[in-house]
Protein backbone atom coordinates (compact mmCIF):
# COMPACT_ATOMS: atom_id res chain seq x y z
CA MET A 1 174.42 92.13 119.51
CA LYS A 2 171.47 93.92 117.90
CA LYS A 3 170.46 95.44 121.22
CA THR A 4 173.98 96.73 121.87
CA LEU A 5 174.19 98.24 118.40
CA LEU A 6 170.80 99.90 118.84
CA ILE A 7 171.81 101.40 122.20
CA PHE A 8 175.07 102.68 120.69
CA PHE A 9 173.23 104.21 117.73
CA LEU A 10 170.68 105.91 119.99
CA GLY A 11 173.50 107.33 122.12
CA VAL A 12 175.26 108.78 119.11
CA LEU A 13 172.03 110.17 117.71
CA SER A 14 171.05 111.83 120.99
CA SER A 15 174.49 113.43 121.32
CA LEU A 16 174.14 114.88 117.81
CA ILE A 17 170.69 116.23 118.55
CA LEU A 18 171.70 117.75 121.87
CA ALA A 19 174.76 119.37 120.33
CA GLN A 20 172.65 121.63 118.10
CA THR A 21 170.29 124.46 118.98
CA LYS A 22 167.96 126.08 116.49
CA THR A 23 166.43 129.47 117.32
CA GLU A 24 163.75 131.05 115.17
CA LEU A 25 164.44 134.67 114.23
CA LYS A 26 162.31 137.53 112.99
CA THR A 27 163.09 138.67 109.46
CA THR A 28 164.23 142.01 110.88
CA GLU A 29 166.86 140.19 112.98
CA LEU A 30 168.68 138.82 109.91
CA GLN A 31 172.08 140.18 109.04
CA LYS A 32 172.13 142.76 106.28
CA PRO A 33 174.18 140.56 103.86
CA ILE A 34 171.55 137.80 104.13
CA SER A 35 168.62 140.15 103.42
CA GLU A 36 170.50 141.77 100.53
CA TYR A 37 171.46 138.40 99.00
CA ILE A 38 167.86 137.20 99.07
CA ALA A 39 166.52 140.47 97.62
CA LYS A 40 169.08 140.37 94.79
CA ASN A 41 169.00 136.65 93.93
CA PHE A 42 165.44 135.64 94.85
CA ASN A 43 163.36 138.57 93.63
CA GLY A 44 159.69 138.14 94.52
CA TYR A 45 160.32 135.49 97.16
CA THR A 46 159.06 135.94 100.71
CA ILE A 47 161.07 134.99 103.76
CA VAL A 48 158.78 132.64 105.64
CA LYS A 49 161.00 131.35 108.43
CA SER A 50 164.53 132.08 109.59
CA PHE A 51 166.65 130.17 112.05
CA LYS A 52 169.98 130.65 113.74
CA VAL A 53 171.62 127.24 114.20
CA ASP A 54 174.41 126.62 116.68
CA ALA A 55 176.04 123.23 116.13
CA LYS A 56 178.81 122.86 118.69
CA GLY A 57 179.78 126.52 118.31
CA VAL A 58 179.45 126.64 114.51
CA ILE A 59 176.82 129.26 113.72
CA THR A 60 174.78 129.12 110.51
CA PHE A 61 171.48 130.57 109.36
CA ASP A 62 168.72 128.55 107.66
CA ILE A 63 166.20 130.64 105.77
CA CYS A 64 162.96 129.27 104.28
CA ILE A 65 161.65 131.32 101.35
CA SER A 66 158.72 130.85 99.01
CA LYS A 67 157.19 132.26 95.86
CA ASP A 68 153.97 130.78 94.53
CA LYS A 69 154.54 127.01 94.67
CA ASN A 70 158.33 127.28 94.85
CA HIS A 71 159.92 126.68 98.23
CA GLU A 72 163.63 126.96 98.89
CA LYS A 73 165.82 126.65 101.94
CA LEU A 74 168.92 128.85 101.93
CA PHE A 75 171.95 128.38 104.15
CA PHE A 76 174.36 131.13 105.23
CA ASP A 77 177.45 131.15 107.44
CA LYS A 78 177.89 133.20 110.62
CA ASP A 79 178.95 136.25 108.59
CA GLY A 80 175.95 136.11 106.25
CA LYS A 81 177.85 134.53 103.34
CA PHE A 82 175.68 132.29 101.14
CA LEU A 83 176.58 128.60 101.44
CA ARG A 84 173.99 126.61 99.48
CA LYS A 85 170.36 126.23 98.42
CA GLU A 86 168.04 123.25 98.73
CA SER A 87 164.56 122.74 97.36
CA CYS A 88 162.15 121.96 100.16
CA THR A 89 158.53 121.13 100.71
CA ASN A 90 155.75 123.45 101.68
CA GLU A 91 155.97 122.12 105.26
CA CYS A 92 159.40 123.72 105.57
CA CYS A 93 157.95 127.12 104.84
CA GLN A 94 154.68 127.05 106.78
CA ASP A 95 153.65 129.05 109.83
CA SER A 96 155.53 132.29 109.61
CA LEU A 97 157.06 133.62 112.80
CA LYS A 98 154.52 134.83 115.32
CA LYS A 99 156.25 137.13 117.80
């Protein structure tokens, strides 16, 4: 029973992982509404990492920003509309894009 449950759980988990792609973007590739929102509402913060996420055709953008010891992760929809903010750790915001 435990083995069957574990196999089922791993199958579900792998299908969730495979159903999402996450592509790192340059700051210059962000939509104008996203850049403007950050500039207006997070003055002094630096965009450290930006990602375009495609989860089964639903496009969102995850943006890691930081200022001093404050690290935030911002989420936007496909049109650049702000969805929510989460506090995150420094690991979220490390290693800026190298392209």
